[in-house]
mmCIF file of all heavy atoms, coordinates in Angstrom:
data_MODEL
# 
_entry.id   MODEL 
# 
loop_
_atom_site.group_PDB 
_atom_site.id 
_atom_site.type_symbol 
_atom_site.label_atom_id 
_atom_site.label_alt_id 
_atom_site.label_comp_id 
_atom_site.label_asym_id 
_atom_site.label_entity_id 
_atom_site.label_seq_id 
_atom_site.pdbx_PDB_ins_code 
_atom_site.Cartn_x 
_atom_site.Cartn_y 
_atom_site.Cartn_z 
_atom_site.occupancy 
_atom_site.B_iso_or_equiv 
_atom_site.pdbx_formal_charge 
_atom_site.auth_seq_id 
_atom_site.auth_comp_id 
_atom_site.auth_asym_id 
_atom_site.auth_atom_id 
_atom_site.pdbx_PDB_model_num 
ATOM 1   N N   . TRP A 1 1  ? 0.851   -1.194  0.012  1.00 0.00 ? 1  TRP A N   1 
ATOM 2   C CA  . TRP A 1 1  ? 0.012   -0.014  0.042  1.00 0.00 ? 1  TRP A CA  1 
ATOM 3   C C   . TRP A 1 1  ? 0.898   1.269   0.000  1.00 0.00 ? 1  TRP A C   1 
ATOM 4   O O   . TRP A 1 1  ? 0.651   2.199   -0.751 1.00 0.00 ? 1  TRP A O   1 
ATOM 5   C CB  . TRP A 1 1  ? -0.934  0.024   1.193  1.00 0.00 ? 1  TRP A CB  1 
ATOM 6   C CG  . TRP A 1 1  ? -1.675  1.288   1.380  1.00 0.00 ? 1  TRP A CG  1 
ATOM 7   C CD1 . TRP A 1 1  ? -1.523  2.198   2.517  1.00 0.00 ? 1  TRP A CD1 1 
ATOM 8   C CD2 . TRP A 1 1  ? -2.683  1.931   0.527  1.00 0.00 ? 1  TRP A CD2 1 
ATOM 9   N NE1 . TRP A 1 1  ? -2.352  3.213   2.339  1.00 0.00 ? 1  TRP A NE1 1 
ATOM 10  C CE2 . TRP A 1 1  ? -3.029  3.171   1.239  1.00 0.00 ? 1  TRP A CE2 1 
ATOM 11  C CE3 . TRP A 1 1  ? -3.260  1.502   -0.593 1.00 0.00 ? 1  TRP A CE3 1 
ATOM 12  C CZ2 . TRP A 1 1  ? -3.917  3.954   0.654  1.00 0.00 ? 1  TRP A CZ2 1 
ATOM 13  C CZ3 . TRP A 1 1  ? -4.224  2.334   -1.140 1.00 0.00 ? 1  TRP A CZ3 1 
ATOM 14  C CH2 . TRP A 1 1  ? -4.587  3.516   -0.481 1.00 0.00 ? 1  TRP A CH2 1 
ATOM 15  N N   . ILE A 1 2  ? 1.906   1.265   0.847  1.00 0.00 ? 2  ILE A N   1 
ATOM 16  C CA  . ILE A 1 2  ? 2.768   2.412   0.866  1.00 0.00 ? 2  ILE A CA  1 
ATOM 17  C C   . ILE A 1 2  ? 3.450   2.679   -0.569 1.00 0.00 ? 2  ILE A C   1 
ATOM 18  O O   . ILE A 1 2  ? 3.491   3.779   -0.984 1.00 0.00 ? 2  ILE A O   1 
ATOM 19  C CB  . ILE A 1 2  ? 3.910   2.199   1.927  1.00 0.00 ? 2  ILE A CB  1 
ATOM 20  C CG1 . ILE A 1 2  ? 3.257   2.302   3.344  1.00 0.00 ? 2  ILE A CG1 1 
ATOM 21  C CG2 . ILE A 1 2  ? 4.960   3.363   1.827  1.00 0.00 ? 2  ILE A CG2 1 
ATOM 22  C CD1 . ILE A 1 2  ? 4.184   1.928   4.442  1.00 0.00 ? 2  ILE A CD1 1 
ATOM 23  N N   . ARG A 1 3  ? 3.911   1.671   -1.135 1.00 0.00 ? 3  ARG A N   1 
ATOM 24  C CA  . ARG A 1 3  ? 4.486   1.819   -2.412 1.00 0.00 ? 3  ARG A CA  1 
ATOM 25  C C   . ARG A 1 3  ? 3.590   2.170   -3.563 1.00 0.00 ? 3  ARG A C   1 
ATOM 26  O O   . ARG A 1 3  ? 4.000   3.026   -4.436 1.00 0.00 ? 3  ARG A O   1 
ATOM 27  C CB  . ARG A 1 3  ? 5.340   0.471   -2.813 1.00 0.00 ? 3  ARG A CB  1 
ATOM 28  C CG  . ARG A 1 3  ? 6.014   0.635   -4.262 1.00 0.00 ? 3  ARG A CG  1 
ATOM 29  C CD  . ARG A 1 3  ? 7.073   -0.419  -4.397 1.00 0.00 ? 3  ARG A CD  1 
ATOM 30  N NE  . ARG A 1 3  ? 8.139   -0.315  -3.427 1.00 0.00 ? 3  ARG A NE  1 
ATOM 31  C CZ  . ARG A 1 3  ? 9.094   -1.214  -3.286 1.00 0.00 ? 3  ARG A CZ  1 
ATOM 32  N NH1 . ARG A 1 3  ? 9.103   -2.307  -3.950 1.00 0.00 ? 3  ARG A NH1 1 
ATOM 33  N NH2 . ARG A 1 3  ? 10.109  -1.020  -2.419 1.00 0.00 ? 3  ARG A NH2 1 
ATOM 34  N N   . TYR A 1 4  ? 2.409   1.608   -3.629 1.00 0.00 ? 4  TYR A N   1 
ATOM 35  C CA  . TYR A 1 4  ? 1.572   1.830   -4.742 1.00 0.00 ? 4  TYR A CA  1 
ATOM 36  C C   . TYR A 1 4  ? 0.242   2.583   -4.509 1.00 0.00 ? 4  TYR A C   1 
ATOM 37  O O   . TYR A 1 4  ? -0.506  2.869   -5.341 1.00 0.00 ? 4  TYR A O   1 
ATOM 38  C CB  . TYR A 1 4  ? 1.272   0.456   -5.375 1.00 0.00 ? 4  TYR A CB  1 
ATOM 39  C CG  . TYR A 1 4  ? 2.446   -0.135  -6.013 1.00 0.00 ? 4  TYR A CG  1 
ATOM 40  C CD1 . TYR A 1 4  ? 2.990   -1.379  -5.498 1.00 0.00 ? 4  TYR A CD1 1 
ATOM 41  C CD2 . TYR A 1 4  ? 3.128   0.454   -7.065 1.00 0.00 ? 4  TYR A CD2 1 
ATOM 42  C CE1 . TYR A 1 4  ? 4.180   -1.864  -5.979 1.00 0.00 ? 4  TYR A CE1 1 
ATOM 43  C CE2 . TYR A 1 4  ? 4.285   -0.138  -7.516 1.00 0.00 ? 4  TYR A CE2 1 
ATOM 44  C CZ  . TYR A 1 4  ? 4.827   -1.340  -7.069 1.00 0.00 ? 4  TYR A CZ  1 
ATOM 45  O OH  . TYR A 1 4  ? 5.958   -1.835  -7.513 1.00 0.00 ? 4  TYR A OH  1 
ATOM 46  N N   . GLY A 1 5  ? 0.087   2.972   -3.144 1.00 0.00 ? 5  GLY A N   1 
ATOM 47  C CA  . GLY A 1 5  ? -1.172  3.641   -2.775 1.00 0.00 ? 5  GLY A CA  1 
ATOM 48  C C   . GLY A 1 5  ? -0.933  4.934   -2.058 1.00 0.00 ? 5  GLY A C   1 
ATOM 49  O O   . GLY A 1 5  ? -1.549  5.985   -2.332 1.00 0.00 ? 5  GLY A O   1 
ATOM 50  N N   . GLU A 1 6  ? -0.057  4.896   -1.096 1.00 0.00 ? 6  GLU A N   1 
ATOM 51  C CA  . GLU A 1 6  ? 0.062   6.051   -0.142 1.00 0.00 ? 6  GLU A CA  1 
ATOM 52  C C   . GLU A 1 6  ? 1.630   6.192   0.232  1.00 0.00 ? 6  GLU A C   1 
ATOM 53  O O   . GLU A 1 6  ? 1.915   5.796   1.395  1.00 0.00 ? 6  GLU A O   1 
ATOM 54  C CB  . GLU A 1 6  ? -0.801  5.893   1.018  1.00 0.00 ? 6  GLU A CB  1 
ATOM 55  C CG  . GLU A 1 6  ? -0.889  7.150   1.847  1.00 0.00 ? 6  GLU A CG  1 
ATOM 56  C CD  . GLU A 1 6  ? -1.861  6.958   3.140  1.00 0.00 ? 6  GLU A CD  1 
ATOM 57  O OE1 . GLU A 1 6  ? -2.508  5.928   3.155  1.00 0.00 ? 6  GLU A OE1 1 
ATOM 58  O OE2 . GLU A 1 6  ? -1.828  7.884   3.932  1.00 0.00 ? 6  GLU A OE2 1 
ATOM 59  N N   . PRO A 1 7  ? 2.383   6.610   -0.733 1.00 0.00 ? 7  PRO A N   1 
ATOM 60  C CA  . PRO A 1 7  ? 3.811   6.658   -0.337 1.00 0.00 ? 7  PRO A CA  1 
ATOM 61  C C   . PRO A 1 7  ? 4.144   7.547   0.884  1.00 0.00 ? 7  PRO A C   1 
ATOM 62  O O   . PRO A 1 7  ? 5.228   7.283   1.523  1.00 0.00 ? 7  PRO A O   1 
ATOM 63  C CB  . PRO A 1 7  ? 4.387   7.367   -1.649 1.00 0.00 ? 7  PRO A CB  1 
ATOM 64  C CG  . PRO A 1 7  ? 3.540   6.955   -2.683 1.00 0.00 ? 7  PRO A CG  1 
ATOM 65  C CD  . PRO A 1 7  ? 2.105   7.007   -2.121 1.00 0.00 ? 7  PRO A CD  1 
ATOM 66  N N   . GLY A 1 8  ? 3.316   8.506   1.131  1.00 0.00 ? 8  GLY A N   1 
ATOM 67  C CA  . GLY A 1 8  ? 3.581   9.369   2.411  1.00 0.00 ? 8  GLY A CA  1 
ATOM 68  C C   . GLY A 1 8  ? 2.896   8.909   3.633  1.00 0.00 ? 8  GLY A C   1 
ATOM 69  O O   . GLY A 1 8  ? 2.728   9.761   4.490  1.00 0.00 ? 8  GLY A O   1 
ATOM 70  N N   . MET A 1 9  ? 2.456   7.710   3.690  1.00 0.00 ? 9  MET A N   1 
ATOM 71  C CA  . MET A 1 9  ? 1.721   7.201   4.854  1.00 0.00 ? 9  MET A CA  1 
ATOM 72  C C   . MET A 1 9  ? 2.498   7.387   6.141  1.00 0.00 ? 9  MET A C   1 
ATOM 73  O O   . MET A 1 9  ? 3.742   7.111   6.192  1.00 0.00 ? 9  MET A O   1 
ATOM 74  C CB  . MET A 1 9  ? 1.360   5.712   4.659  1.00 0.00 ? 9  MET A CB  1 
ATOM 75  C CG  . MET A 1 9  ? 0.500   5.139   5.763  1.00 0.00 ? 9  MET A CG  1 
ATOM 76  S SD  . MET A 1 9  ? 0.274   3.321   5.496  1.00 0.00 ? 9  MET A SD  1 
ATOM 77  C CE  . MET A 1 9  ? -1.262  3.140   6.501  1.00 0.00 ? 9  MET A CE  1 
ATOM 78  N N   . SER A 1 10 ? 1.893   8.022   7.148  1.00 0.00 ? 10 SER A N   1 
ATOM 79  C CA  . SER A 1 10 ? 2.531   8.324   8.371  1.00 0.00 ? 10 SER A CA  1 
ATOM 80  C C   . SER A 1 10 ? 2.898   7.063   9.182  1.00 0.00 ? 10 SER A C   1 
ATOM 81  O O   . SER A 1 10 ? 2.171   6.055   9.036  1.00 0.00 ? 10 SER A O   1 
ATOM 82  C CB  . SER A 1 10 ? 1.643   9.256   9.260  1.00 0.00 ? 10 SER A CB  1 
ATOM 83  O OG  . SER A 1 10 ? 0.519   8.617   9.696  1.00 0.00 ? 10 SER A OG  1 
ATOM 84  N N   . ARG A 1 11 ? 3.922   7.110   10.036 1.00 0.00 ? 11 ARG A N   1 
ATOM 85  C CA  . ARG A 1 11 ? 4.260   6.022   10.932 1.00 0.00 ? 11 ARG A CA  1 
ATOM 86  C C   . ARG A 1 11 ? 3.100   5.801   11.890 1.00 0.00 ? 11 ARG A C   1 
ATOM 87  O O   . ARG A 1 11 ? 2.807   4.581   12.202 1.00 0.00 ? 11 ARG A O   1 
ATOM 88  C CB  . ARG A 1 11 ? 5.529   6.436   11.659 1.00 0.00 ? 11 ARG A CB  1 
ATOM 89  C CG  . ARG A 1 11 ? 6.117   5.156   12.467 1.00 0.00 ? 11 ARG A CG  1 
ATOM 90  C CD  . ARG A 1 11 ? 6.519   4.037   11.563 1.00 0.00 ? 11 ARG A CD  1 
ATOM 91  N NE  . ARG A 1 11 ? 7.084   2.946   12.327 1.00 0.00 ? 11 ARG A NE  1 
ATOM 92  C CZ  . ARG A 1 11 ? 8.288   2.255   11.955 1.00 0.00 ? 11 ARG A CZ  1 
ATOM 93  N NH1 . ARG A 1 11 ? 8.891   2.603   10.939 1.00 0.00 ? 11 ARG A NH1 1 
ATOM 94  N NH2 . ARG A 1 11 ? 8.548   1.304   12.673 1.00 0.00 ? 11 ARG A NH2 1 
ATOM 95  N N   . ALA A 1 12 ? 2.401   6.839   12.288 1.00 0.00 ? 12 ALA A N   1 
ATOM 96  C CA  . ALA A 1 12 ? 1.247   6.638   13.211 1.00 0.00 ? 12 ALA A CA  1 
ATOM 97  C C   . ALA A 1 12 ? 0.250   5.677   12.486 1.00 0.00 ? 12 ALA A C   1 
ATOM 98  O O   . ALA A 1 12 ? -0.371  4.871   13.208 1.00 0.00 ? 12 ALA A O   1 
ATOM 99  C CB  . ALA A 1 12 ? 0.660   7.963   13.629 1.00 0.00 ? 12 ALA A CB  1 
ATOM 100 N N   . ASP A 1 13 ? -0.102  6.007   11.240 1.00 0.00 ? 13 ASP A N   1 
ATOM 101 C CA  . ASP A 1 13 ? -1.144  5.192   10.509 1.00 0.00 ? 13 ASP A CA  1 
ATOM 102 C C   . ASP A 1 13 ? -0.662  3.721   10.309 1.00 0.00 ? 13 ASP A C   1 
ATOM 103 O O   . ASP A 1 13 ? -1.376  2.778   10.308 1.00 0.00 ? 13 ASP A O   1 
ATOM 104 C CB  . ASP A 1 13 ? -1.578  5.859   9.253  1.00 0.00 ? 13 ASP A CB  1 
ATOM 105 C CG  . ASP A 1 13 ? -2.647  6.885   9.424  1.00 0.00 ? 13 ASP A CG  1 
ATOM 106 O OD1 . ASP A 1 13 ? -3.201  6.950   10.541 1.00 0.00 ? 13 ASP A OD1 1 
ATOM 107 O OD2 . ASP A 1 13 ? -3.080  7.512   8.467  1.00 0.00 ? 13 ASP A OD2 1 
ATOM 108 N N   . GLN A 1 14 ? 0.682   3.622   10.050 1.00 0.00 ? 14 GLN A N   1 
ATOM 109 C CA  . GLN A 1 14 ? 1.261   2.250   9.947  1.00 0.00 ? 14 GLN A CA  1 
ATOM 110 C C   . GLN A 1 14 ? 1.026   1.414   11.235 1.00 0.00 ? 14 GLN A C   1 
ATOM 111 O O   . GLN A 1 14 ? 0.696   0.331   11.256 1.00 0.00 ? 14 GLN A O   1 
ATOM 112 C CB  . GLN A 1 14 ? 2.760   2.365   9.512  1.00 0.00 ? 14 GLN A CB  1 
ATOM 113 C CG  . GLN A 1 14 ? 2.992   2.957   8.144  1.00 0.00 ? 14 GLN A CG  1 
ATOM 114 C CD  . GLN A 1 14 ? 4.484   3.021   7.687  1.00 0.00 ? 14 GLN A CD  1 
ATOM 115 O OE1 . GLN A 1 14 ? 5.156   2.070   7.967  1.00 0.00 ? 14 GLN A OE1 1 
ATOM 116 N NE2 . GLN A 1 14 ? 4.908   4.180   7.290  1.00 0.00 ? 14 GLN A NE2 1 
ATOM 117 N N   . ASP A 1 15 ? 1.364   2.110   12.328 1.00 0.00 ? 15 ASP A N   1 
ATOM 118 C CA  . ASP A 1 15 ? 1.147   1.481   13.638 1.00 0.00 ? 15 ASP A CA  1 
ATOM 119 C C   . ASP A 1 15 ? -0.321  1.107   13.928 1.00 0.00 ? 15 ASP A C   1 
ATOM 120 O O   . ASP A 1 15 ? -0.581  0.091   14.431 1.00 0.00 ? 15 ASP A O   1 
ATOM 121 C CB  . ASP A 1 15 ? 1.748   2.372   14.726 1.00 0.00 ? 15 ASP A CB  1 
ATOM 122 C CG  . ASP A 1 15 ? 3.255   2.445   14.779 1.00 0.00 ? 15 ASP A CG  1 
ATOM 123 O OD1 . ASP A 1 15 ? 3.861   1.566   14.131 1.00 0.00 ? 15 ASP A OD1 1 
ATOM 124 O OD2 . ASP A 1 15 ? 3.808   3.341   15.417 1.00 0.00 ? 15 ASP A OD2 1 
ATOM 125 N N   . ARG A 1 16 ? -1.175  2.087   13.504 1.00 0.00 ? 16 ARG A N   1 
ATOM 126 C CA  . ARG A 1 16 ? -2.613  1.895   13.662 1.00 0.00 ? 16 ARG A CA  1 
ATOM 127 C C   . ARG A 1 16 ? -3.077  0.601   12.933 1.00 0.00 ? 16 ARG A C   1 
ATOM 128 O O   . ARG A 1 16 ? -3.827  -0.089  13.408 1.00 0.00 ? 16 ARG A O   1 
ATOM 129 C CB  . ARG A 1 16 ? -3.346  3.147   13.328 1.00 0.00 ? 16 ARG A CB  1 
ATOM 130 C CG  . ARG A 1 16 ? -4.812  3.099   13.594 1.00 0.00 ? 16 ARG A CG  1 
ATOM 131 C CD  . ARG A 1 16 ? -5.540  4.351   13.132 1.00 0.00 ? 16 ARG A CD  1 
ATOM 132 N NE  . ARG A 1 16 ? -6.943  4.202   12.938 1.00 0.00 ? 16 ARG A NE  1 
ATOM 133 C CZ  . ARG A 1 16 ? -7.712  4.991   12.242 1.00 0.00 ? 16 ARG A CZ  1 
ATOM 134 N NH1 . ARG A 1 16 ? -7.274  6.004   11.637 1.00 0.00 ? 16 ARG A NH1 1 
ATOM 135 N NH2 . ARG A 1 16 ? -9.028  4.716   12.162 1.00 0.00 ? 16 ARG A NH2 1 
ATOM 136 N N   . TYR A 1 17 ? -2.517  0.532   11.670 1.00 0.00 ? 17 TYR A N   1 
ATOM 137 C CA  . TYR A 1 17 ? -2.954  -0.630  10.915 1.00 0.00 ? 17 TYR A CA  1 
ATOM 138 C C   . TYR A 1 17 ? -2.479  -1.925  11.562 1.00 0.00 ? 17 TYR A C   1 
ATOM 139 O O   . TYR A 1 17 ? -3.285  -2.841  11.648 1.00 0.00 ? 17 TYR A O   1 
ATOM 140 C CB  . TYR A 1 17 ? -2.328  -0.501  9.581  1.00 0.00 ? 17 TYR A CB  1 
ATOM 141 C CG  . TYR A 1 17 ? -2.533  -1.779  8.615  1.00 0.00 ? 17 TYR A CG  1 
ATOM 142 C CD1 . TYR A 1 17 ? -3.758  -2.031  8.083  1.00 0.00 ? 17 TYR A CD1 1 
ATOM 143 C CD2 . TYR A 1 17 ? -1.479  -2.675  8.420  1.00 0.00 ? 17 TYR A CD2 1 
ATOM 144 C CE1 . TYR A 1 17 ? -3.935  -3.243  7.292  1.00 0.00 ? 17 TYR A CE1 1 
ATOM 145 C CE2 . TYR A 1 17 ? -1.626  -3.752  7.624  1.00 0.00 ? 17 TYR A CE2 1 
ATOM 146 C CZ  . TYR A 1 17 ? -2.913  -4.025  7.100  1.00 0.00 ? 17 TYR A CZ  1 
ATOM 147 O OH  . TYR A 1 17 ? -3.137  -5.227  6.349  1.00 0.00 ? 17 TYR A OH  1 
ATOM 148 N N   . VAL A 1 18 ? -1.249  -2.023  11.996 1.00 0.00 ? 18 VAL A N   1 
ATOM 149 C CA  . VAL A 1 18 ? -0.729  -3.191  12.671 1.00 0.00 ? 18 VAL A CA  1 
ATOM 150 C C   . VAL A 1 18 ? -1.640  -3.477  13.952 1.00 0.00 ? 18 VAL A C   1 
ATOM 151 O O   . VAL A 1 18 ? -2.053  -4.624  14.133 1.00 0.00 ? 18 VAL A O   1 
ATOM 152 C CB  . VAL A 1 18 ? 0.705   -3.059  13.061 1.00 0.00 ? 18 VAL A CB  1 
ATOM 153 C CG1 . VAL A 1 18 ? 1.123   -4.309  13.829 1.00 0.00 ? 18 VAL A CG1 1 
ATOM 154 C CG2 . VAL A 1 18 ? 1.578   -2.881  11.779 1.00 0.00 ? 18 VAL A CG2 1 
ATOM 155 N N   . ARG A 1 19 ? -2.021  -2.469  14.578 1.00 0.00 ? 19 ARG A N   1 
ATOM 156 C CA  . ARG A 1 19 ? -2.752  -2.637  15.811 1.00 0.00 ? 19 ARG A CA  1 
ATOM 157 C C   . ARG A 1 19 ? -4.191  -3.148  15.534 1.00 0.00 ? 19 ARG A C   1 
ATOM 158 O O   . ARG A 1 19 ? -4.760  -4.024  16.209 1.00 0.00 ? 19 ARG A O   1 
ATOM 159 C CB  . ARG A 1 19 ? -2.826  -1.325  16.622 1.00 0.00 ? 19 ARG A CB  1 
ATOM 160 C CG  . ARG A 1 19 ? -3.548  -1.426  17.938 1.00 0.00 ? 19 ARG A CG  1 
ATOM 161 C CD  . ARG A 1 19 ? -3.151  -0.144  18.782 1.00 0.00 ? 19 ARG A CD  1 
ATOM 162 N NE  . ARG A 1 19 ? -3.531  1.130   18.179 1.00 0.00 ? 19 ARG A NE  1 
ATOM 163 C CZ  . ARG A 1 19 ? -2.666  1.893   17.728 1.00 0.00 ? 19 ARG A CZ  1 
ATOM 164 N NH1 . ARG A 1 19 ? -1.302  1.672   17.726 1.00 0.00 ? 19 ARG A NH1 1 
ATOM 165 N NH2 . ARG A 1 19 ? -3.043  3.026   17.126 1.00 0.00 ? 19 ARG A NH2 1 
ATOM 166 N N   . GLU A 1 20 ? -4.764  -2.616  14.445 1.00 0.00 ? 20 GLU A N   1 
ATOM 167 C CA  . GLU A 1 20 ? -6.053  -3.000  14.028 1.00 0.00 ? 20 GLU A CA  1 
ATOM 168 C C   . GLU A 1 20 ? -6.102  -4.498  13.589 1.00 0.00 ? 20 GLU A C   1 
ATOM 169 O O   . GLU A 1 20 ? -7.054  -5.233  13.827 1.00 0.00 ? 20 GLU A O   1 
ATOM 170 C CB  . GLU A 1 20 ? -6.521  -2.168  12.793 1.00 0.00 ? 20 GLU A CB  1 
ATOM 171 C CG  . GLU A 1 20 ? -6.950  -0.746  13.130 1.00 0.00 ? 20 GLU A CG  1 
ATOM 172 C CD  . GLU A 1 20 ? -7.211  0.043   11.856 1.00 0.00 ? 20 GLU A CD  1 
ATOM 173 O OE1 . GLU A 1 20 ? -7.080  -0.477  10.765 1.00 0.00 ? 20 GLU A OE1 1 
ATOM 174 O OE2 . GLU A 1 20 ? -7.622  1.165   12.037 1.00 0.00 ? 20 GLU A OE2 1 
ATOM 175 N N   . MET A 1 21 ? -4.992  -5.012  13.019 1.00 0.00 ? 21 MET A N   1 
ATOM 176 C CA  . MET A 1 21 ? -5.040  -6.392  12.492 1.00 0.00 ? 21 MET A CA  1 
ATOM 177 C C   . MET A 1 21 ? -4.980  -7.385  13.726 1.00 0.00 ? 21 MET A C   1 
ATOM 178 O O   . MET A 1 21 ? -5.097  -8.599  13.392 1.00 0.00 ? 21 MET A O   1 
ATOM 179 C CB  . MET A 1 21 ? -3.762  -6.615  11.587 1.00 0.00 ? 21 MET A CB  1 
ATOM 180 C CG  . MET A 1 21 ? -3.960  -5.821  10.245 1.00 0.00 ? 21 MET A CG  1 
ATOM 181 S SD  . MET A 1 21 ? -5.498  -6.312  9.344  1.00 0.00 ? 21 MET A SD  1 
ATOM 182 C CE  . MET A 1 21 ? -5.073  -7.901  8.817  1.00 0.00 ? 21 MET A CE  1 
ATOM 183 N N   . ALA A 1 22 ? -4.801  -6.924  14.928 1.00 0.00 ? 22 ALA A N   1 
ATOM 184 C CA  . ALA A 1 22 ? -4.964  -7.747  16.038 1.00 0.00 ? 22 ALA A CA  1 
ATOM 185 C C   . ALA A 1 22 ? -6.363  -8.470  16.101 1.00 0.00 ? 22 ALA A C   1 
ATOM 186 O O   . ALA A 1 22 ? -6.589  -9.448  16.603 1.00 0.00 ? 22 ALA A O   1 
ATOM 187 C CB  . ALA A 1 22 ? -4.688  -7.045  17.303 1.00 0.00 ? 22 ALA A CB  1 
ATOM 188 N N   . ARG A 1 23 ? -7.329  -7.742  15.540 1.00 0.00 ? 23 ARG A N   1 
ATOM 189 C CA  . ARG A 1 23 ? -8.708  -8.296  15.453 1.00 0.00 ? 23 ARG A CA  1 
ATOM 190 C C   . ARG A 1 23 ? -8.807  -9.467  14.656 1.00 0.00 ? 23 ARG A C   1 
ATOM 191 O O   . ARG A 1 23 ? -9.685  -10.319 14.913 1.00 0.00 ? 23 ARG A O   1 
ATOM 192 C CB  . ARG A 1 23 ? -9.680  -7.203  14.878 1.00 0.00 ? 23 ARG A CB  1 
ATOM 193 C CG  . ARG A 1 23 ? -9.662  -5.916  15.682 1.00 0.00 ? 23 ARG A CG  1 
ATOM 194 C CD  . ARG A 1 23 ? -10.525 -4.879  15.021 1.00 0.00 ? 23 ARG A CD  1 
ATOM 195 N NE  . ARG A 1 23 ? -10.204 -3.500  15.478 1.00 0.00 ? 23 ARG A NE  1 
ATOM 196 C CZ  . ARG A 1 23 ? -10.924 -2.412  15.291 1.00 0.00 ? 23 ARG A CZ  1 
ATOM 197 N NH1 . ARG A 1 23 ? -11.982 -2.565  14.582 1.00 0.00 ? 23 ARG A NH1 1 
ATOM 198 N NH2 . ARG A 1 23 ? -10.552 -1.283  15.766 1.00 0.00 ? 23 ARG A NH2 1 
ATOM 199 N N   . ILE A 1 24 ? -7.879  -9.659  13.758 1.00 0.00 ? 24 ILE A N   1 
ATOM 200 C CA  . ILE A 1 24 ? -7.844  -10.996 12.982 1.00 0.00 ? 24 ILE A CA  1 
ATOM 201 C C   . ILE A 1 24 ? -6.854  -11.958 13.685 1.00 0.00 ? 24 ILE A C   1 
ATOM 202 O O   . ILE A 1 24 ? -7.191  -13.179 13.697 1.00 0.00 ? 24 ILE A O   1 
ATOM 203 C CB  . ILE A 1 24 ? -7.280  -10.670 11.608 1.00 0.00 ? 24 ILE A CB  1 
ATOM 204 C CG1 . ILE A 1 24 ? -8.196  -9.695  10.805 1.00 0.00 ? 24 ILE A CG1 1 
ATOM 205 C CG2 . ILE A 1 24 ? -7.129  -11.965 10.765 1.00 0.00 ? 24 ILE A CG2 1 
ATOM 206 C CD1 . ILE A 1 24 ? -9.534  -10.102 10.595 1.00 0.00 ? 24 ILE A CD1 1 
# 
């Protein structure tokens, strides 16, 4: 996603994504 969708994705949003995936 960072490479082909959102190159400027913040580290906070990256951490949030990892945290969200705990639901899986």
